[in-house]
Amino acid sequence: MAIAAFSLAVSGLVQAQKVDLVDNKKEKKVEVNIDGKPFTSYFYPGEDVLKKAVLYPVMTAKGTLVTRGWPLDPRPGERIDHPHHVGIWLNYENVNDNDYWNNSNAVDHVKHAYGTIKHTGIASIKSGKDKGELTVTADWVDRDGKLTLQEKTTYIFSGKGTTRTVDRLTTLTAVIDAAMPDVKDGMFAIRVARELELPSTKPEIFTDASGIATKVPTLNNEGITGNYRNSNGVTGEDVWAKRAVWCNLTGKIKDEDISIAIIDHPKNVGYPAYFHARGYGLFAVNPLGQEAFSDGKEVLNFKLKKGESTTFRYRLVVASEHLSDASINAMAADFAKVK
C-alpha cells in the first residue's frame, strides 16, 4: 500500500477531491467546499454592499486567506485603497461610457457614470466527486438603469492535493450595441492578501479613466513576500503591461508557500492578453486594454452589436506550494482544451 501511494505521488496522478456547493440563500452566497474544507463563496450581497458579485473570501487547502479582507472584513496591516477590489471578479472600465470596474459606494455617483452588474439568478448548482459547477446570471446596467449586457457565467471548481482551481467561463450578450473601448482597468482579477504583495519602495498615485486619483502609500514591508513570474520568464513588477499565456504570483504567509496563477485561454479576444498586475496586490488580466499597455502601438476598440455574444475564459489556481513553470504550462495546456 505504501509503495502504491509513493508511486502515485511520484507520477503526479493525485486524486481529484470531492466538491460540495451549498446554497446559503440567507447570506446571499453559494459556499464552495473542497475535500470538506472551505475554498471560497460566490457572494452576491446586492448593490448596497457591492456593485458586482464576487468570489470571496478565497482560501488555500490549508485554510489560509489569500484575498484582502478590506473593505468587507478588514484585517490589521492591510491597505485600504481601491474599495472596488474585492475577492475575485470580472468587469471592465468602459462599456458605452459607463465604468463597471471602479464602481463602489465610496465614489461620487453624481459626477461620473458608473455601471452596476446585478446578480439576477442561480441557474444551476452541481456538486461532484471531482468537480463542482455553478452557473449564474447577471445584468450589466448603466447609470440610468438601462440594460446593456446580459451575463451568463459558469464556475468550475476542483481540487487535487493542496491545489485549488476555479475556471470562470463568462458569456456576455449585447442587449443593445455595446462599445468596449481600449482602456487599462479590466478584466478578470483578484485582490490578494497583504503578505502576497510585492515589497513597495515608494508611494504611488493611480488615476482611473474618470480622473479619480487613488494614493497607494509605502507600508512596512516586514513579512511581504510576493513576486510575479509570467510564462515568458519576466519577473517582478515588470510583468505589468506584458502579454503572457499565464502569470504566477508566489509568496509566503507564515510558514506556508503559496502560488496564485491566472491562465488565459486561446479562444479569448486578445490572446495572449496583457497582464494588469500591480505590486500593491491587484492581480488582473485585461484582454481589451491594449493601447494603454503598448504605449499606443496597438489598439483594440472591442464592440458587440445588438444580439452578439463573446465568451471570456480564465483559470485561477491557488496552491500551497510554489508552482513550477512546467506545472503551470501543463495546467494551461489542459485549460486550452476547455471549450
C-alpha atoms as a PDB file:
ATOM      1  CA  MET A   1       0.000   0.000   0.000  1.00  0.00           C
ATOM      2  CA  ALA A   2       2.828   2.402   0.913  1.00  0.00           C
ATOM      3  CA  ILE A   3       4.644   1.622  -2.354  1.00  0.00           C
ATOM      4  CA  ALA A   4       1.465   2.269  -4.355  1.00  0.00           C
ATOM      5  CA  ALA A   5       0.913   5.606  -2.623  1.00  0.00           C
ATOM      6  CA  PHE A   6       4.520   6.591  -3.256  1.00  0.00           C
ATOM      7  CA  SER A   7       4.260   5.702  -6.940  1.00  0.00           C
ATOM      8  CA  LEU A   8       1.057   7.716  -7.246  1.00  0.00           C
ATOM      9  CA  ALA A   9       2.704  10.766  -5.711  1.00  0.00           C
ATOM     10  CA  VAL A  10       5.793  10.495  -7.906  1.00  0.00           C
ATOM     11  CA  SER A  11       3.730  10.178 -11.077  1.00  0.00           C
ATOM     12  CA  GLY A  12       1.708  13.266 -10.177  1.00  0.00           C
ATOM     13  CA  LEU A  13      -1.586  11.415 -10.507  1.00  0.00           C
ATOM     14  CA  VAL A  14      -3.096  12.973  -7.412  1.00  0.00           C
ATOM     15  CA  GLN A  15      -6.726  12.022  -6.974  1.00  0.00           C
ATOM     16  CA  ALA A  16      -9.380  14.675  -7.551  1.00  0.00           C
ATOM     17  CA  GLN A  17     -11.254  15.718  -4.428  1.00  0.00           C
ATOM     18  CA  LYS A  18     -14.979  15.972  -3.737  1.00  0.00           C
ATOM     19  CA  VAL A  19     -16.531  19.405  -4.269  1.00  0.00           C
ATOM     20  CA  ASP A  20     -19.672  20.436  -2.369  1.00  0.00           C
ATOM     21  CA  LEU A  21     -21.640  23.560  -3.265  1.00  0.00           C
ATOM     22  CA  VAL A  22     -24.006  24.817  -0.567  1.00  0.00           C
ATOM     23  CA  ASP A  23     -26.733  27.323  -1.447  1.00  0.00           C
ATOM     24  CA  ASN A  24     -26.865  29.734   1.500  1.00  0.00           C
ATOM     25  CA  LYS A  25     -29.747  31.981   0.432  1.00  0.00           C
ATOM     26  CA  LYS A  26     -29.957  33.719   3.801  1.00  0.00           C
ATOM     27  CA  GLU A  27     -26.415  35.087   3.489  1.00  0.00           C
ATOM     28  CA  LYS A  28     -26.710  35.525  -0.293  1.00  0.00           C
ATOM     29  CA  LYS A  29     -23.876  33.219  -1.187  1.00  0.00           C
ATOM     30  CA  VAL A  30     -23.064  29.773  -2.529  1.00  0.00           C
ATOM     31  CA  GLU A  31     -20.377  28.165  -0.388  1.00  0.00           C
ATOM     32  CA  VAL A  32     -17.699  26.088  -2.110  1.00  0.00           C
ATOM     33  CA  ASN A  33     -16.108  23.301  -0.062  1.00  0.00           C
ATOM     34  CA  ILE A  34     -13.366  21.071  -1.441  1.00  0.00           C
ATOM     35  CA  ASP A  35     -12.336  17.910   0.376  1.00  0.00           C
ATOM     36  CA  GLY A  36     -14.604  19.012   3.225  1.00  0.00           C
ATOM     37  CA  LYS A  37     -12.838  22.371   3.674  1.00  0.00           C
ATOM     38  CA  PRO A  38     -13.936  25.889   2.701  1.00  0.00           C
ATOM     39  CA  PHE A  39     -12.383  27.242  -0.507  1.00  0.00           C
ATOM     40  CA  THR A  40     -14.499  30.271  -1.407  1.00  0.00           C
ATOM     41  CA  SER A  41     -18.064  31.523  -1.807  1.00  0.00           C
ATOM     42  CA  TYR A  42     -19.951  33.054  -4.697  1.00  0.00           C
ATOM     43  CA  PHE A  43     -21.128  36.185  -2.878  1.00  0.00           C
ATOM     44  CA  TYR A  44     -23.934  38.400  -4.207  1.00  0.00           C
ATOM     45  CA  PRO A  45     -24.925  40.767  -1.367  1.00  0.00           C
ATOM     46  CA  GLY A  46     -26.622  43.365  -3.589  1.00  0.00           C
ATOM     47  CA  GLU A  47     -25.577  46.761  -4.869  1.00  0.00           C
ATOM     48  CA  ASP A  48     -25.926  48.427  -1.459  1.00  0.00           C
ATOM     49  CA  VAL A  49     -22.825  46.426  -0.489  1.00  0.00           C
ATOM     50  CA  LEU A  50     -21.050  45.566  -3.767  1.00  0.00           C
ATOM     51  CA  LYS A  51     -21.630  46.655  -7.344  1.00  0.00           C
ATOM     52  CA  LYS A  52     -20.987  43.129  -8.651  1.00  0.00           C
ATOM     53  CA  ALA A  53     -20.970  39.557  -7.380  1.00  0.00           C
ATOM     54  CA  VAL A  54     -17.568  38.157  -6.395  1.00  0.00           C
ATOM     55  CA  LEU A  55     -15.811  35.048  -5.175  1.00  0.00           C
ATOM     56  CA  TYR A  56     -14.938  35.946  -1.605  1.00  0.00           C
ATOM     57  CA  PRO A  57     -13.090  35.113   0.532  1.00  0.00           C
ATOM     58  CA  VAL A  58     -10.587  32.707  -1.066  1.00  0.00           C
ATOM     59  CA  MET A  59      -8.527  30.219   0.957  1.00  0.00           C
ATOM     60  CA  THR A  60      -5.792  27.691   0.363  1.00  0.00           C
ATOM     61  CA  ALA A  61      -6.321  23.992   1.070  1.00  0.00           C
ATOM     62  CA  LYS A  62      -4.731  24.685   4.471  1.00  0.00           C
ATOM     63  CA  GLY A  63      -7.275  27.387   5.291  1.00  0.00           C
ATOM     64  CA  THR A  64      -5.051  30.432   4.726  1.00  0.00           C
ATOM     65  CA  LEU A  65      -6.790  33.547   3.394  1.00  0.00           C
ATOM     66  CA  VAL A  66      -5.224  34.750   0.135  1.00  0.00           C
ATOM     67  CA  THR A  67      -7.661  37.598  -0.593  1.00  0.00           C
ATOM     68  CA  ARG A  68      -7.605  41.003   1.060  1.00  0.00           C
ATOM     69  CA  GLY A  69     -10.249  41.428   3.741  1.00  0.00           C
ATOM     70  CA  TRP A  70     -10.909  45.178   3.433  1.00  0.00           C
ATOM     71  CA  PRO A  71     -13.458  46.659   2.956  1.00  0.00           C
ATOM     72  CA  LEU A  72     -15.789  43.763   3.904  1.00  0.00           C
ATOM     73  CA  ASP A  73     -13.720  42.187   6.676  1.00  0.00           C
ATOM     74  CA  PRO A  74     -10.683  44.360   7.485  1.00  0.00           C
ATOM     75  CA  ARG A  75      -7.528  42.787   8.886  1.00  0.00           C
ATOM     76  CA  PRO A  76      -4.635  44.567  10.668  1.00  0.00           C
ATOM     77  CA  GLY A  77      -1.913  45.952   8.396  1.00  0.00           C
ATOM     78  CA  GLU A  78      -3.936  45.831   5.173  1.00  0.00           C
ATOM     79  CA  ARG A  79      -4.015  48.553   2.552  1.00  0.00           C
ATOM     80  CA  ILE A  80      -7.270  50.488   2.337  1.00  0.00           C
ATOM     81  CA  ASP A  81      -7.081  51.689  -1.262  1.00  0.00           C
ATOM     82  CA  HIS A  82      -9.369  50.841  -4.211  1.00  0.00           C
ATOM     83  CA  PRO A  83     -12.539  49.754  -2.357  1.00  0.00           C
ATOM     84  CA  HIS A  84     -13.834  48.120  -5.558  1.00  0.00           C
ATOM     85  CA  HIS A  85     -11.068  45.483  -5.372  1.00  0.00           C
ATOM     86  CA  VAL A  86     -12.879  42.643  -3.598  1.00  0.00           C
ATOM     87  CA  GLY A  87     -12.116  38.916  -3.904  1.00  0.00           C
ATOM     88  CA  ILE A  88     -12.165  37.579  -7.474  1.00  0.00           C
ATOM     89  CA  TRP A  89     -14.254  39.389 -10.075  1.00  0.00           C
ATOM     90  CA  LEU A  90     -14.726  40.189 -13.771  1.00  0.00           C
ATOM     91  CA  ASN A  91     -15.757  43.579 -15.165  1.00  0.00           C
ATOM     92  CA  TYR A  92     -14.492  46.410 -17.353  1.00  0.00           C
ATOM     93  CA  GLU A  93     -13.761  50.102 -17.084  1.00  0.00           C
ATOM     94  CA  ASN A  94     -15.748  51.296 -20.092  1.00  0.00           C
ATOM     95  CA  VAL A  95     -18.916  49.904 -21.656  1.00  0.00           C
ATOM     96  CA  ASN A  96     -20.835  52.579 -23.557  1.00  0.00           C
ATOM     97  CA  ASP A  97     -19.044  55.205 -21.444  1.00  0.00           C
ATOM     98  CA  ASN A  98     -20.121  53.598 -18.173  1.00  0.00           C
ATOM     99  CA  ASP A  99     -17.409  52.455 -15.757  1.00  0.00           C
ATOM    100  CA  TYR A 100     -18.094  48.998 -14.302  1.00  0.00           C
ATOM    101  CA  TRP A 101     -14.600  48.488 -12.848  1.00  0.00           C
ATOM    102  CA  ASN A 102     -14.251  51.397 -10.416  1.00  0.00           C
ATOM    103  CA  ASN A 103     -17.821  51.461  -9.144  1.00  0.00           C
ATOM    104  CA  SER A 104     -18.290  51.237  -5.394  1.00  0.00           C
ATOM    105  CA  ASN A 105     -20.241  53.000  -2.669  1.00  0.00           C
ATOM    106  CA  ALA A 106     -17.112  55.015  -1.897  1.00  0.00           C
ATOM    107  CA  VAL A 107     -17.164  57.057  -5.133  1.00  0.00           C
ATOM    108  CA  ASP A 108     -19.085  60.119  -6.277  1.00  0.00           C
ATOM    109  CA  HIS A 109     -22.000  58.889  -8.389  1.00  0.00           C
ATOM    110  CA  VAL A 110     -23.125  62.408  -9.314  1.00  0.00           C
ATOM    111  CA  LYS A 111     -20.122  63.469 -11.365  1.00  0.00           C
ATOM    112  CA  HIS A 112     -19.264  60.154 -13.008  1.00  0.00           C
ATOM    113  CA  ALA A 113     -21.078  57.442 -14.958  1.00  0.00           C
ATOM    114  CA  TYR A 114     -20.783  54.118 -13.175  1.00  0.00           C
ATOM    115  CA  GLY A 115     -22.411  50.881 -14.274  1.00  0.00           C
ATOM    116  CA  THR A 116     -23.580  48.098 -11.979  1.00  0.00           C
ATOM    117  CA  ILE A 117     -23.537  44.331 -12.520  1.00  0.00           C
ATOM    118  CA  LYS A 118     -26.683  42.988 -10.896  1.00  0.00           C
ATOM    119  CA  HIS A 119     -26.894  39.335  -9.923  1.00  0.00           C
ATOM    120  CA  THR A 120     -30.153  38.029 -11.406  1.00  0.00           C
ATOM    121  CA  GLY A 121     -30.181  34.357 -10.550  1.00  0.00           C
ATOM    122  CA  ILE A 122     -28.582  30.979  -9.924  1.00  0.00           C
ATOM    123  CA  ALA A 123     -29.269  28.799 -12.955  1.00  0.00           C
ATOM    124  CA  SER A 124     -27.750  25.582 -11.613  1.00  0.00           C
ATOM    125  CA  ILE A 125     -25.688  24.149  -8.774  1.00  0.00           C
ATOM    126  CA  LYS A 126     -23.923  20.808  -9.123  1.00  0.00           C
ATOM    127  CA  SER A 127     -21.668  19.185  -6.530  1.00  0.00           C
ATOM    128  CA  GLY A 128     -19.488  16.258  -7.573  1.00  0.00           C
ATOM    129  CA  LYS A 129     -16.798  13.778  -6.655  1.00  0.00           C
ATOM    130  CA  ASP A 130     -14.193  15.524  -8.807  1.00  0.00           C
ATOM    131  CA  LYS A 131     -15.627  18.991  -9.542  1.00  0.00           C
ATOM    132  CA  GLY A 132     -18.455  21.360  -8.754  1.00  0.00           C
ATOM    133  CA  GLU A 133     -20.260  23.607 -11.216  1.00  0.00           C
ATOM    134  CA  LEU A 134     -22.175  26.802 -10.553  1.00  0.00           C
ATOM    135  CA  THR A 135     -23.972  28.743 -13.280  1.00  0.00           C
ATOM    136  CA  VAL A 136     -25.258  32.254 -12.553  1.00  0.00           C
ATOM    137  CA  THR A 137     -26.738  35.168 -14.464  1.00  0.00           C
ATOM    138  CA  ALA A 138     -26.318  38.921 -14.206  1.00  0.00           C
ATOM    139  CA  ASP A 139     -27.338  42.162 -15.898  1.00  0.00           C
ATOM    140  CA  TRP A 140     -24.873  44.921 -16.748  1.00  0.00           C
ATOM    141  CA  VAL A 141     -26.910  48.120 -16.334  1.00  0.00           C
ATOM    142  CA  ASP A 142     -25.752  51.685 -16.906  1.00  0.00           C
ATOM    143  CA  ARG A 143     -26.028  54.644 -14.529  1.00  0.00           C
ATOM    144  CA  ASP A 144     -29.664  55.162 -15.617  1.00  0.00           C
ATOM    145  CA  GLY A 145     -30.603  51.515 -15.035  1.00  0.00           C
ATOM    146  CA  LYS A 146     -30.637  50.699 -18.759  1.00  0.00           C
ATOM    147  CA  LEU A 147     -29.670  47.114 -19.581  1.00  0.00           C
ATOM    148  CA  THR A 148     -26.590  46.884 -21.799  1.00  0.00           C
ATOM    149  CA  LEU A 149     -25.158  43.359 -21.441  1.00  0.00           C
ATOM    150  CA  GLN A 150     -26.572  40.100 -20.176  1.00  0.00           C
ATOM    151  CA  GLU A 151     -24.095  37.789 -18.493  1.00  0.00           C
ATOM    152  CA  LYS A 152     -24.089  34.028 -18.057  1.00  0.00           C
ATOM    153  CA  THR A 153     -21.180  32.670 -16.048  1.00  0.00           C
ATOM    154  CA  THR A 154     -20.229  29.118 -15.212  1.00  0.00           C
ATOM    155  CA  TYR A 155     -17.703  28.491 -12.445  1.00  0.00           C
ATOM    156  CA  ILE A 156     -15.999  25.100 -12.350  1.00  0.00           C
ATOM    157  CA  PHE A 157     -14.313  24.345  -9.014  1.00  0.00           C
ATOM    158  CA  SER A 158     -11.870  21.496  -8.453  1.00  0.00           C
ATOM    159  CA  GLY A 159      -9.059  20.367  -6.191  1.00  0.00           C
ATOM    160  CA  LYS A 160      -6.160  17.925  -6.127  1.00  0.00           C
ATOM    161  CA  GLY A 161      -3.824  17.575  -3.174  1.00  0.00           C
ATOM    162  CA  THR A 162      -3.184  21.110  -1.908  1.00  0.00           C
ATOM    163  CA  THR A 163      -4.128  22.789  -5.202  1.00  0.00           C
ATOM    164  CA  ARG A 164      -7.446  24.526  -5.791  1.00  0.00           C
ATOM    165  CA  THR A 165      -8.710  25.584  -9.226  1.00  0.00           C
ATOM    166  CA  VAL A 166     -11.567  27.745 -10.433  1.00  0.00           C
ATOM    167  CA  ASP A 167     -12.421  28.143 -14.108  1.00  0.00           C
ATOM    168  CA  ARG A 168     -14.594  31.135 -14.934  1.00  0.00           C
ATOM    169  CA  LEU A 169     -16.438  30.968 -18.266  1.00  0.00           C
ATOM    170  CA  THR A 170     -18.377  34.190 -18.839  1.00  0.00           C
ATOM    171  CA  THR A 171     -20.544  34.873 -21.888  1.00  0.00           C
ATOM    172  CA  LEU A 172     -21.630  38.480 -22.446  1.00  0.00           C
ATOM    173  CA  THR A 173     -24.513  39.163 -24.828  1.00  0.00           C
ATOM    174  CA  ALA A 174     -25.271  42.687 -26.053  1.00  0.00           C
ATOM    175  CA  VAL A 175     -28.860  43.769 -25.487  1.00  0.00           C
ATOM    176  CA  ILE A 176     -28.035  46.999 -27.332  1.00  0.00           C
ATOM    177  CA  ASP A 177     -24.946  47.909 -29.348  1.00  0.00           C
ATOM    178  CA  ALA A 178     -22.096  47.816 -26.832  1.00  0.00           C
ATOM    179  CA  ALA A 179     -18.758  49.584 -27.267  1.00  0.00           C
ATOM    180  CA  MET A 180     -15.905  48.490 -25.003  1.00  0.00           C
ATOM    181  CA  PRO A 181     -13.105  50.878 -25.981  1.00  0.00           C
ATOM    182  CA  ASP A 182      -9.464  50.278 -25.179  1.00  0.00           C
ATOM    183  CA  VAL A 183      -8.813  51.157 -21.505  1.00  0.00           C
ATOM    184  CA  LYS A 184      -6.462  49.990 -18.757  1.00  0.00           C
ATOM    185  CA  ASP A 185      -8.723  48.719 -15.987  1.00  0.00           C
ATOM    186  CA  GLY A 186     -10.071  45.217 -16.581  1.00  0.00           C
ATOM    187  CA  MET A 187     -10.979  42.446 -16.639  1.00  0.00           C
ATOM    188  CA  PHE A 188     -10.508  39.218 -14.641  1.00  0.00           C
ATOM    189  CA  ALA A 189      -8.891  39.963 -11.309  1.00  0.00           C
ATOM    190  CA  ILE A 190      -8.086  39.090  -7.721  1.00  0.00           C
ATOM    191  CA  ARG A 191      -7.019  41.406  -4.900  1.00  0.00           C
ATOM    192  CA  VAL A 192      -4.597  39.496  -2.713  1.00  0.00           C
ATOM    193  CA  ALA A 193      -3.677  39.496   0.959  1.00  0.00           C
ATOM    194  CA  ARG A 194      -1.024  41.932   2.175  1.00  0.00           C
ATOM    195  CA  GLU A 195       1.619  39.211   2.604  1.00  0.00           C
ATOM    196  CA  LEU A 196       1.403  38.344  -1.104  1.00  0.00           C
ATOM    197  CA  GLU A 197       2.042  41.892  -2.288  1.00  0.00           C
ATOM    198  CA  LEU A 198       5.452  42.833  -3.631  1.00  0.00           C
ATOM    199  CA  PRO A 199       7.608  44.878  -1.243  1.00  0.00           C
ATOM    200  CA  SER A 200       6.956  48.564  -2.011  1.00  0.00           C
ATOM    201  CA  THR A 201       9.741  51.114  -2.166  1.00  0.00           C
ATOM    202  CA  LYS A 202       7.782  54.336  -2.812  1.00  0.00           C
ATOM    203  CA  PRO A 203       4.242  55.718  -2.556  1.00  0.00           C
ATOM    204  CA  GLU A 204       2.267  55.872  -5.797  1.00  0.00           C
ATOM    205  CA  ILE A 205      -0.862  57.530  -7.172  1.00  0.00           C
ATOM    206  CA  PHE A 206      -3.115  55.693  -9.655  1.00  0.00           C
ATOM    207  CA  THR A 207      -5.733  57.578 -11.694  1.00  0.00           C
ATOM    208  CA  ASP A 208      -8.759  55.967 -13.315  1.00  0.00           C
ATOM    209  CA  ALA A 209     -10.462  56.930 -16.584  1.00  0.00           C
ATOM    210  CA  SER A 210     -12.663  59.445 -14.754  1.00  0.00           C
ATOM    211  CA  GLY A 211      -9.636  61.238 -13.340  1.00  0.00           C
ATOM    212  CA  ILE A 212     -10.135  59.997  -9.798  1.00  0.00           C
ATOM    213  CA  ALA A 213      -6.769  59.512  -8.116  1.00  0.00           C
ATOM    214  CA  THR A 214      -6.064  56.833  -5.514  1.00  0.00           C
ATOM    215  CA  LYS A 215      -2.985  57.130  -3.311  1.00  0.00           C
ATOM    216  CA  VAL A 216      -1.148  53.883  -2.516  1.00  0.00           C
ATOM    217  CA  PRO A 217       1.328  54.556   0.305  1.00  0.00           C
ATOM    218  CA  THR A 218       4.512  52.717   1.142  1.00  0.00           C
ATOM    219  CA  LEU A 219       3.943  50.466   4.152  1.00  0.00           C
ATOM    220  CA  ASN A 220       6.079  48.329   6.425  1.00  0.00           C
ATOM    221  CA  ASN A 221       7.493  45.538   4.238  1.00  0.00           C
ATOM    222  CA  GLU A 222       8.031  43.026   7.048  1.00  0.00           C
ATOM    223  CA  GLY A 223       6.533  39.691   6.015  1.00  0.00           C
ATOM    224  CA  ILE A 224       5.733  40.962   2.490  1.00  0.00           C
ATOM    225  CA  THR A 225       6.908  38.183   0.191  1.00  0.00           C
ATOM    226  CA  GLY A 226       5.159  38.372  -3.181  1.00  0.00           C
ATOM    227  CA  ASN A 227       6.793  38.094  -6.594  1.00  0.00           C
ATOM    228  CA  TYR A 228       5.392  37.672 -10.096  1.00  0.00           C
ATOM    229  CA  ARG A 229       6.675  35.486 -12.907  1.00  0.00           C
ATOM    230  CA  ASN A 230       4.986  35.072 -16.280  1.00  0.00           C
ATOM    231  CA  SER A 231       5.065  32.423 -18.991  1.00  0.00           C
ATOM    232  CA  ASN A 232       7.882  34.274 -20.773  1.00  0.00           C
ATOM    233  CA  GLY A 233      10.136  34.368 -17.717  1.00  0.00           C
ATOM    234  CA  VAL A 234       9.530  38.041 -16.900  1.00  0.00           C
ATOM    235  CA  THR A 235       9.526  38.666 -13.134  1.00  0.00           C
ATOM    236  CA  GLY A 236       8.558  41.230 -10.524  1.00  0.00           C
ATOM    237  CA  GLU A 237       6.636  44.373 -11.401  1.00  0.00           C
ATOM    238  CA  ASP A 238       7.928  44.088 -14.970  1.00  0.00           C
ATOM    239  CA  VAL A 239       5.099  41.637 -15.725  1.00  0.00           C
ATOM    240  CA  TRP A 240       2.773  44.655 -15.840  1.00  0.00           C
ATOM    241  CA  ALA A 241       1.817  45.532 -19.435  1.00  0.00           C
ATOM    242  CA  LYS A 242       3.352  42.328 -20.791  1.00  0.00           C
ATOM    243  CA  ARG A 243       1.497  39.748 -22.842  1.00  0.00           C
ATOM    244  CA  ALA A 244       1.634  36.224 -21.447  1.00  0.00           C
ATOM    245  CA  VAL A 245      -0.260  32.927 -21.503  1.00  0.00           C
ATOM    246  CA  TRP A 246      -0.115  32.907 -17.725  1.00  0.00           C
ATOM    247  CA  CYS A 247       1.237  34.805 -14.773  1.00  0.00           C
ATOM    248  CA  ASN A 248       2.105  33.349 -11.374  1.00  0.00           C
ATOM    249  CA  LEU A 249       2.228  35.183  -8.054  1.00  0.00           C
ATOM    250  CA  THR A 250       4.284  33.413  -5.400  1.00  0.00           C
ATOM    251  CA  GLY A 251       4.770  34.290  -1.763  1.00  0.00           C
ATOM    252  CA  LYS A 252       4.598  33.044   1.771  1.00  0.00           C
ATOM    253  CA  ILE A 253       2.064  33.543   4.559  1.00  0.00           C
ATOM    254  CA  LYS A 254       3.547  32.479   7.887  1.00  0.00           C
ATOM    255  CA  ASP A 255       5.186  29.117   7.052  1.00  0.00           C
ATOM    256  CA  GLU A 256       3.052  28.287   4.008  1.00  0.00           C
ATOM    257  CA  ASP A 257       4.423  28.655   0.474  1.00  0.00           C
ATOM    258  CA  ILE A 258       1.648  29.898  -1.826  1.00  0.00           C
ATOM    259  CA  SER A 259       1.103  30.354  -5.562  1.00  0.00           C
ATOM    260  CA  ILE A 260      -1.761  32.113  -7.316  1.00  0.00           C
ATOM    261  CA  ALA A 261      -1.738  31.712 -11.085  1.00  0.00           C
ATOM    262  CA  ILE A 262      -4.027  33.240 -13.718  1.00  0.00           C
ATOM    263  CA  ILE A 263      -4.164  31.400 -17.038  1.00  0.00           C
ATOM    264  CA  ASP A 264      -5.507  32.843 -20.296  1.00  0.00           C
ATOM    265  CA  HIS A 265      -7.373  30.810 -22.919  1.00  0.00           C
ATOM    266  CA  PRO A 266      -6.560  30.622 -26.668  1.00  0.00           C
ATOM    267  CA  LYS A 267     -10.177  31.380 -27.651  1.00  0.00           C
ATOM    268  CA  ASN A 268     -10.283  34.662 -25.730  1.00  0.00           C
ATOM    269  CA  VAL A 269     -10.229  38.000 -27.503  1.00  0.00           C
ATOM    270  CA  GLY A 270      -6.724  39.457 -27.415  1.00  0.00           C
ATOM    271  CA  TYR A 271      -4.954  36.188 -26.522  1.00  0.00           C
ATOM    272  CA  PRO A 272      -2.370  36.152 -25.081  1.00  0.00           C
ATOM    273  CA  ALA A 273      -3.601  39.116 -23.072  1.00  0.00           C
ATOM    274  CA  TYR A 274      -1.759  41.869 -21.295  1.00  0.00           C
ATOM    275  CA  PHE A 275      -1.481  41.447 -17.537  1.00  0.00           C
ATOM    276  CA  HIS A 276      -2.546  44.339 -15.324  1.00  0.00           C
ATOM    277  CA  ALA A 277      -0.578  43.046 -12.324  1.00  0.00           C
ATOM    278  CA  ARG A 278       0.483  45.564  -9.712  1.00  0.00           C
ATOM    279  CA  GLY A 279       2.817  45.183  -6.780  1.00  0.00           C
ATOM    280  CA  TYR A 280       0.272  46.504  -4.268  1.00  0.00           C
ATOM    281  CA  GLY A 281      -1.948  43.427  -4.609  1.00  0.00           C
ATOM    282  CA  LEU A 282      -4.074  43.886  -7.732  1.00  0.00           C
ATOM    283  CA  PHE A 283      -3.517  40.862  -9.979  1.00  0.00           C
ATOM    284  CA  ALA A 284      -5.510  41.125 -13.201  1.00  0.00           C
ATOM    285  CA  VAL A 285      -5.533  40.184 -16.882  1.00  0.00           C
ATOM    286  CA  ASN A 286      -7.039  42.570 -19.426  1.00  0.00           C
ATOM    287  CA  PRO A 287      -7.584  41.314 -22.996  1.00  0.00           C
ATOM    288  CA  LEU A 288      -9.255  44.528 -24.184  1.00  0.00           C
ATOM    289  CA  GLY A 289      -6.843  47.181 -22.889  1.00  0.00           C
ATOM    290  CA  GLN A 290      -4.052  47.123 -25.441  1.00  0.00           C
ATOM    291  CA  GLU A 291      -3.358  50.802 -26.128  1.00  0.00           C
ATOM    292  CA  ALA A 292      -2.542  51.613 -22.513  1.00  0.00           C
ATOM    293  CA  PHE A 293      -0.190  48.631 -22.213  1.00  0.00           C
ATOM    294  CA  SER A 294       1.597  49.078 -25.555  1.00  0.00           C
ATOM    295  CA  ASP A 295       2.167  52.846 -25.390  1.00  0.00           C
ATOM    296  CA  GLY A 296      -0.245  53.293 -28.260  1.00  0.00           C
ATOM    297  CA  LYS A 297       1.389  50.788 -30.602  1.00  0.00           C
ATOM    298  CA  GLU A 298      -1.700  48.569 -30.526  1.00  0.00           C
ATOM    299  CA  VAL A 299      -5.366  49.476 -30.216  1.00  0.00           C
ATOM    300  CA  LEU A 300      -8.376  47.229 -29.693  1.00  0.00           C
ATOM    301  CA  ASN A 301     -11.709  49.022 -29.500  1.00  0.00           C
ATOM    302  CA  PHE A 302     -13.903  45.974 -28.982  1.00  0.00           C
ATOM    303  CA  LYS A 303     -17.580  46.136 -29.915  1.00  0.00           C
ATOM    304  CA  LEU A 304     -20.609  43.894 -29.772  1.00  0.00           C
ATOM    305  CA  LYS A 305     -23.586  44.620 -31.949  1.00  0.00           C
ATOM    306  CA  LYS A 306     -27.054  44.055 -30.533  1.00  0.00           C
ATOM    307  CA  GLY A 307     -27.575  40.298 -30.152  1.00  0.00           C
ATOM    308  CA  GLU A 308     -23.885  39.384 -30.473  1.00  0.00           C
ATOM    309  CA  SER A 309     -22.020  37.477 -27.764  1.00  0.00           C
ATOM    310  CA  THR A 310     -18.462  36.851 -26.687  1.00  0.00           C
ATOM    311  CA  THR A 311     -17.047  34.491 -24.055  1.00  0.00           C
ATOM    312  CA  PHE A 312     -14.149  35.142 -21.686  1.00  0.00           C
ATOM    313  CA  ARG A 313     -12.455  32.069 -20.202  1.00  0.00           C
ATOM    314  CA  TYR A 314      -9.985  32.188 -17.319  1.00  0.00           C
ATOM    315  CA  ARG A 315      -8.448  29.700 -14.928  1.00  0.00           C
ATOM    316  CA  LEU A 316      -7.222  30.720 -11.492  1.00  0.00           C
ATOM    317  CA  VAL A 317      -5.100  28.321  -9.457  1.00  0.00           C
ATOM    318  CA  VAL A 318      -4.375  28.563  -5.726  1.00  0.00           C
ATOM    319  CA  ALA A 319      -1.682  26.194  -4.464  1.00  0.00           C
ATOM    320  CA  SER A 320       0.033  25.619  -1.136  1.00  0.00           C
ATOM    321  CA  GLU A 321       3.406  25.444  -2.875  1.00  0.00           C
ATOM    322  CA  HIS A 322       5.476  27.452  -5.313  1.00  0.00           C
ATOM    323  CA  LEU A 323       4.335  26.097  -8.663  1.00  0.00           C
ATOM    324  CA  SER A 324       6.974  25.476 -11.323  1.00  0.00           C
ATOM    325  CA  ASP A 325       6.765  26.815 -14.871  1.00  0.00           C
ATOM    326  CA  ALA A 326       6.368  23.250 -16.098  1.00  0.00           C
ATOM    327  CA  SER A 327       3.385  22.555 -13.853  1.00  0.00           C
ATOM    328  CA  ILE A 328       1.611  25.755 -14.902  1.00  0.00           C
ATOM    329  CA  ASN A 329       2.348  25.030 -18.561  1.00  0.00           C
ATOM    330  CA  ALA A 330       0.633  21.678 -18.074  1.00  0.00           C
ATOM    331  CA  MET A 331      -2.358  23.400 -16.448  1.00  0.00           C
ATOM    332  CA  ALA A 332      -2.512  25.882 -19.334  1.00  0.00           C
ATOM    333  CA  ALA A 333      -2.446  23.045 -21.895  1.00  0.00           C
ATOM    334  CA  ASP A 334      -5.247  21.316 -20.018  1.00  0.00           C
ATOM    335  CA  PHE A 335      -7.281  24.534 -19.799  1.00  0.00           C
ATOM    336  CA  ALA A 336      -6.854  25.159 -23.526  1.00  0.00           C
ATOM    337  CA  LYS A 337      -8.999  22.053 -24.104  1.00  0.00           C
ATOM    338  CA  VAL A 338     -11.956  23.697 -22.355  1.00  0.00           C
ATOM    339  CA  LYS A 339     -14.447  24.990 -24.922  1.00  0.00           C
END
